[in-house]
Amino acid sequence: MCSSHGFLDCASNGNVSLIEDDDVPIPPWTFLIPDQDGDPMTINIPSDVNMNNMQIPEHVRFVSVEKVSTLLRMIVGLQNILVSKMLESRDMLNASNVVIHELRRRIQEYEGNQNRNGDEEDGLVTSEVVPGAGGGR
């Protein structure tokens, strides 16, 4: 007596009840991740993605609660990995931005010093090569 949207549940006392798919809640296909400022941002997980390598065999109509629980734990685990990697990437980008701003400040300071010294050629230090000077060959 199985339908495509439900199955029979045989309780330990011998009573039989029909369990519908709607009776088993699936968590929302969204999760929160921190944005650049640390504020929560909602990410929608697409549920219509084609599963080329993960087809469910046609003869399988239902799976056990243990299998569903394992799959839900795997989804939560993937979410945790994603958030962790995003936080690591954000921290790395923030650190890189600090270095970039410091390098820009130093370049501007260097160019300012060159301009004050009257050497305005591209802001570069130039030196003359004197033939025969320095340990030549």
C-alpha atoms as a PDB file:
ATOM      1  CA  MET A   1       0.000   0.000   0.000  1.00  0.00           C
ATOM      2  CA  CYS A   2       2.693   2.504  -0.858  1.00  0.00           C
ATOM      3  CA  SER A   3       2.097   5.689  -2.780  1.00  0.00           C
ATOM      4  CA  SER A   4       4.627   7.894  -4.479  1.00  0.00           C
ATOM      5  CA  HIS A   5       4.231  10.457  -1.678  1.00  0.00           C
ATOM      6  CA  GLY A   6       3.962   8.313   1.412  1.00  0.00           C
ATOM      7  CA  PHE A   7       4.674   4.918   2.939  1.00  0.00           C
ATOM      8  CA  LEU A   8       3.421   2.699   5.702  1.00  0.00           C
ATOM      9  CA  ASP A   9       4.932   3.007   9.166  1.00  0.00           C
ATOM     10  CA  CYS A  10       4.631  -0.112  11.253  1.00  0.00           C
ATOM     11  CA  ALA A  11       4.901   0.887  14.889  1.00  0.00           C
ATOM     12  CA  SER A  12       6.276  -1.503  17.487  1.00  0.00           C
ATOM     13  CA  ASN A  13       2.746  -2.010  18.874  1.00  0.00           C
ATOM     14  CA  GLY A  14       1.556  -3.351  15.529  1.00  0.00           C
ATOM     15  CA  ASN A  15      -0.402  -0.254  14.537  1.00  0.00           C
ATOM     16  CA  VAL A  16       0.099   0.891  10.981  1.00  0.00           C
ATOM     17  CA  SER A  17      -0.015   4.549   9.941  1.00  0.00           C
ATOM     18  CA  LEU A  18       0.655   6.312   6.696  1.00  0.00           C
ATOM     19  CA  ILE A  19       3.610   8.718   6.803  1.00  0.00           C
ATOM     20  CA  GLU A  20       3.422  11.421   4.145  1.00  0.00           C
ATOM     21  CA  ASP A  21       6.442  13.234   2.719  1.00  0.00           C
ATOM     22  CA  ASP A  22       5.120  16.446   4.251  1.00  0.00           C
ATOM     23  CA  ASP A  23       5.376  14.813   7.712  1.00  0.00           C
ATOM     24  CA  VAL A  24       9.172  14.770   7.419  1.00  0.00           C
ATOM     25  CA  PRO A  25      10.412  18.370   7.475  1.00  0.00           C
ATOM     26  CA  ILE A  26      13.300  19.297   5.240  1.00  0.00           C
ATOM     27  CA  PRO A  27      15.360  22.234   6.454  1.00  0.00           C
ATOM     28  CA  PRO A  28      15.095  25.397   4.377  1.00  0.00           C
ATOM     29  CA  TRP A  29      17.423  25.523   1.427  1.00  0.00           C
ATOM     30  CA  THR A  30      19.000  28.672   2.740  1.00  0.00           C
ATOM     31  CA  PHE A  31      21.672  29.371   5.295  1.00  0.00           C
ATOM     32  CA  LEU A  32      23.287  32.379   6.856  1.00  0.00           C
ATOM     33  CA  ILE A  33      26.873  33.413   6.234  1.00  0.00           C
ATOM     34  CA  PRO A  34      28.649  36.541   7.420  1.00  0.00           C
ATOM     35  CA  ASP A  35      29.149  39.288   4.857  1.00  0.00           C
ATOM     36  CA  GLN A  36      32.211  41.569   4.639  1.00  0.00           C
ATOM     37  CA  ASP A  37      31.166  43.466   7.750  1.00  0.00           C
ATOM     38  CA  GLY A  38      30.256  40.345   9.721  1.00  0.00           C
ATOM     39  CA  ASP A  39      26.514  40.909   9.323  1.00  0.00           C
ATOM     40  CA  PRO A  40      24.386  37.854   8.442  1.00  0.00           C
ATOM     41  CA  MET A  41      23.653  37.317   4.763  1.00  0.00           C
ATOM     42  CA  THR A  42      21.189  34.701   3.478  1.00  0.00           C
ATOM     43  CA  ILE A  43      22.369  32.353   0.749  1.00  0.00           C
ATOM     44  CA  ASN A  44      19.787  30.395  -1.246  1.00  0.00           C
ATOM     45  CA  ILE A  45      20.815  26.856  -2.133  1.00  0.00           C
ATOM     46  CA  PRO A  46      19.464  25.821  -5.545  1.00  0.00           C
ATOM     47  CA  SER A  47      17.429  22.609  -5.360  1.00  0.00           C
ATOM     48  CA  ASP A  48      16.969  22.087  -9.094  1.00  0.00           C
ATOM     49  CA  VAL A  49      20.588  21.217  -9.881  1.00  0.00           C
ATOM     50  CA  ASN A  50      21.075  18.255 -12.235  1.00  0.00           C
ATOM     51  CA  MET A  51      22.742  15.326 -10.489  1.00  0.00           C
ATOM     52  CA  ASN A  52      24.623  13.659 -13.346  1.00  0.00           C
ATOM     53  CA  ASN A  53      26.672  11.256 -11.207  1.00  0.00           C
ATOM     54  CA  MET A  54      24.180  10.701  -8.393  1.00  0.00           C
ATOM     55  CA  GLN A  55      21.060   9.150  -9.860  1.00  0.00           C
ATOM     56  CA  ILE A  56      18.821   7.237  -7.482  1.00  0.00           C
ATOM     57  CA  PRO A  57      18.156   3.767  -8.873  1.00  0.00           C
ATOM     58  CA  GLU A  58      14.642   3.423 -10.274  1.00  0.00           C
ATOM     59  CA  HIS A  59      13.757   0.476  -8.009  1.00  0.00           C
ATOM     60  CA  VAL A  60      14.402   2.520  -4.842  1.00  0.00           C
ATOM     61  CA  ARG A  61      11.146   4.014  -3.636  1.00  0.00           C
ATOM     62  CA  PHE A  62      12.007   4.858  -0.005  1.00  0.00           C
ATOM     63  CA  VAL A  63      15.058   5.159   2.198  1.00  0.00           C
ATOM     64  CA  SER A  64      15.542   4.686   5.908  1.00  0.00           C
ATOM     65  CA  VAL A  65      15.470   7.413   8.534  1.00  0.00           C
ATOM     66  CA  GLU A  66      19.146   6.651   9.190  1.00  0.00           C
ATOM     67  CA  LYS A  67      20.023   7.334   5.540  1.00  0.00           C
ATOM     68  CA  VAL A  68      18.050  10.590   5.505  1.00  0.00           C
ATOM     69  CA  SER A  69      19.676  11.646   8.800  1.00  0.00           C
ATOM     70  CA  THR A  70      23.106  10.906   7.345  1.00  0.00           C
ATOM     71  CA  LEU A  71      22.333  12.989   4.253  1.00  0.00           C
ATOM     72  CA  LEU A  72      21.074  15.906   6.363  1.00  0.00           C
ATOM     73  CA  ARG A  73      24.239  15.744   8.522  1.00  0.00           C
ATOM     74  CA  MET A  74      26.325  15.781   5.336  1.00  0.00           C
ATOM     75  CA  ILE A  75      24.477  18.898   4.130  1.00  0.00           C
ATOM     76  CA  VAL A  76      25.103  20.647   7.439  1.00  0.00           C
ATOM     77  CA  GLY A  77      28.754  19.552   7.276  1.00  0.00           C
ATOM     78  CA  LEU A  78      29.125  21.044   3.795  1.00  0.00           C
ATOM     79  CA  GLN A  79      27.542  24.268   5.012  1.00  0.00           C
ATOM     80  CA  ASN A  80      30.036  24.414   7.894  1.00  0.00           C
ATOM     81  CA  ILE A  81      32.966  23.853   5.530  1.00  0.00           C
ATOM     82  CA  LEU A  82      31.667  26.539   3.163  1.00  0.00           C
ATOM     83  CA  VAL A  83      31.264  29.117   5.939  1.00  0.00           C
ATOM     84  CA  SER A  84      34.686  28.260   7.374  1.00  0.00           C
ATOM     85  CA  LYS A  85      36.394  28.641   3.985  1.00  0.00           C
ATOM     86  CA  MET A  86      34.546  31.885   3.307  1.00  0.00           C
ATOM     87  CA  LEU A  87      35.677  33.306   6.647  1.00  0.00           C
ATOM     88  CA  GLU A  88      39.275  32.253   5.959  1.00  0.00           C
ATOM     89  CA  SER A  89      39.122  33.863   2.502  1.00  0.00           C
ATOM     90  CA  ARG A  90      37.621  37.048   3.923  1.00  0.00           C
ATOM     91  CA  ASP A  91      40.375  37.275   6.539  1.00  0.00           C
ATOM     92  CA  MET A  92      43.040  36.690   3.877  1.00  0.00           C
ATOM     93  CA  LEU A  93      41.538  39.381   1.641  1.00  0.00           C
ATOM     94  CA  ASN A  94      41.345  41.823   4.541  1.00  0.00           C
ATOM     95  CA  ALA A  95      45.008  41.184   5.406  1.00  0.00           C
ATOM     96  CA  SER A  96      45.961  41.633   1.735  1.00  0.00           C
ATOM     97  CA  ASN A  97      44.060  44.926   1.621  1.00  0.00           C
ATOM     98  CA  VAL A  98      46.026  46.170   4.629  1.00  0.00           C
ATOM     99  CA  VAL A  99      49.304  45.328   2.839  1.00  0.00           C
ATOM    100  CA  ILE A 100      48.094  46.972  -0.394  1.00  0.00           C
ATOM    101  CA  HIS A 101      47.104  50.178   1.418  1.00  0.00           C
ATOM    102  CA  GLU A 102      50.463  50.285   3.203  1.00  0.00           C
ATOM    103  CA  LEU A 103      52.343  49.802  -0.077  1.00  0.00           C
ATOM    104  CA  ARG A 104      50.297  52.558  -1.736  1.00  0.00           C
ATOM    105  CA  ARG A 105      51.032  54.859   1.196  1.00  0.00           C
ATOM    106  CA  ARG A 106      54.746  54.138   0.883  1.00  0.00           C
ATOM    107  CA  ILE A 107      54.688  54.772  -2.882  1.00  0.00           C
ATOM    108  CA  GLN A 108      52.924  58.085  -2.385  1.00  0.00           C
ATOM    109  CA  GLU A 109      55.381  59.018   0.360  1.00  0.00           C
ATOM    110  CA  TYR A 110      58.307  58.058  -1.874  1.00  0.00           C
ATOM    111  CA  GLU A 111      56.925  60.017  -4.823  1.00  0.00           C
ATOM    112  CA  GLY A 112      56.317  62.996  -2.556  1.00  0.00           C
ATOM    113  CA  ASN A 113      59.942  62.875  -1.380  1.00  0.00           C
ATOM    114  CA  GLN A 114      61.185  62.642  -4.957  1.00  0.00           C
ATOM    115  CA  ASN A 115      59.098  65.656  -5.983  1.00  0.00           C
ATOM    116  CA  ARG A 116      60.412  67.678  -3.036  1.00  0.00           C
ATOM    117  CA  ASN A 117      63.965  66.833  -4.078  1.00  0.00           C
ATOM    118  CA  GLY A 118      63.355  68.189  -7.575  1.00  0.00           C
ATOM    119  CA  ASP A 119      63.612  64.795  -9.302  1.00  0.00           C
ATOM    120  CA  GLU A 120      60.254  64.482 -11.039  1.00  0.00           C
ATOM    121  CA  GLU A 121      61.214  61.933 -13.701  1.00  0.00           C
ATOM    122  CA  ASP A 122      58.573  59.261 -13.167  1.00  0.00           C
ATOM    123  CA  GLY A 123      59.345  59.326  -9.463  1.00  0.00           C
ATOM    124  CA  LEU A 124      62.163  56.845 -10.021  1.00  0.00           C
ATOM    125  CA  VAL A 125      65.653  56.942  -8.640  1.00  0.00           C
ATOM    126  CA  THR A 126      68.223  57.076 -11.409  1.00  0.00           C
ATOM    127  CA  SER A 127      71.932  56.605 -11.213  1.00  0.00           C
ATOM    128  CA  GLU A 128      74.660  57.138 -13.724  1.00  0.00           C
ATOM    129  CA  VAL A 129      76.993  54.343 -14.696  1.00  0.00           C
ATOM    130  CA  VAL A 130      80.569  55.491 -14.835  1.00  0.00           C
ATOM    131  CA  PRO A 131      82.675  53.383 -17.208  1.00  0.00           C
ATOM    132  CA  GLY A 132      85.503  51.601 -15.431  1.00  0.00           C
ATOM    133  CA  ALA A 133      84.062  52.291 -11.959  1.00  0.00           C
ATOM    134  CA  GLY A 134      83.296  49.433  -9.592  1.00  0.00           C
ATOM    135  CA  GLY A 135      84.882  45.979  -9.893  1.00  0.00           C
ATOM    136  CA  GLY A 136      84.607  45.632 -13.677  1.00  0.00           C
ATOM    137  CA  ARG A 137      85.903  42.631 -15.640  1.00  0.00           C
END
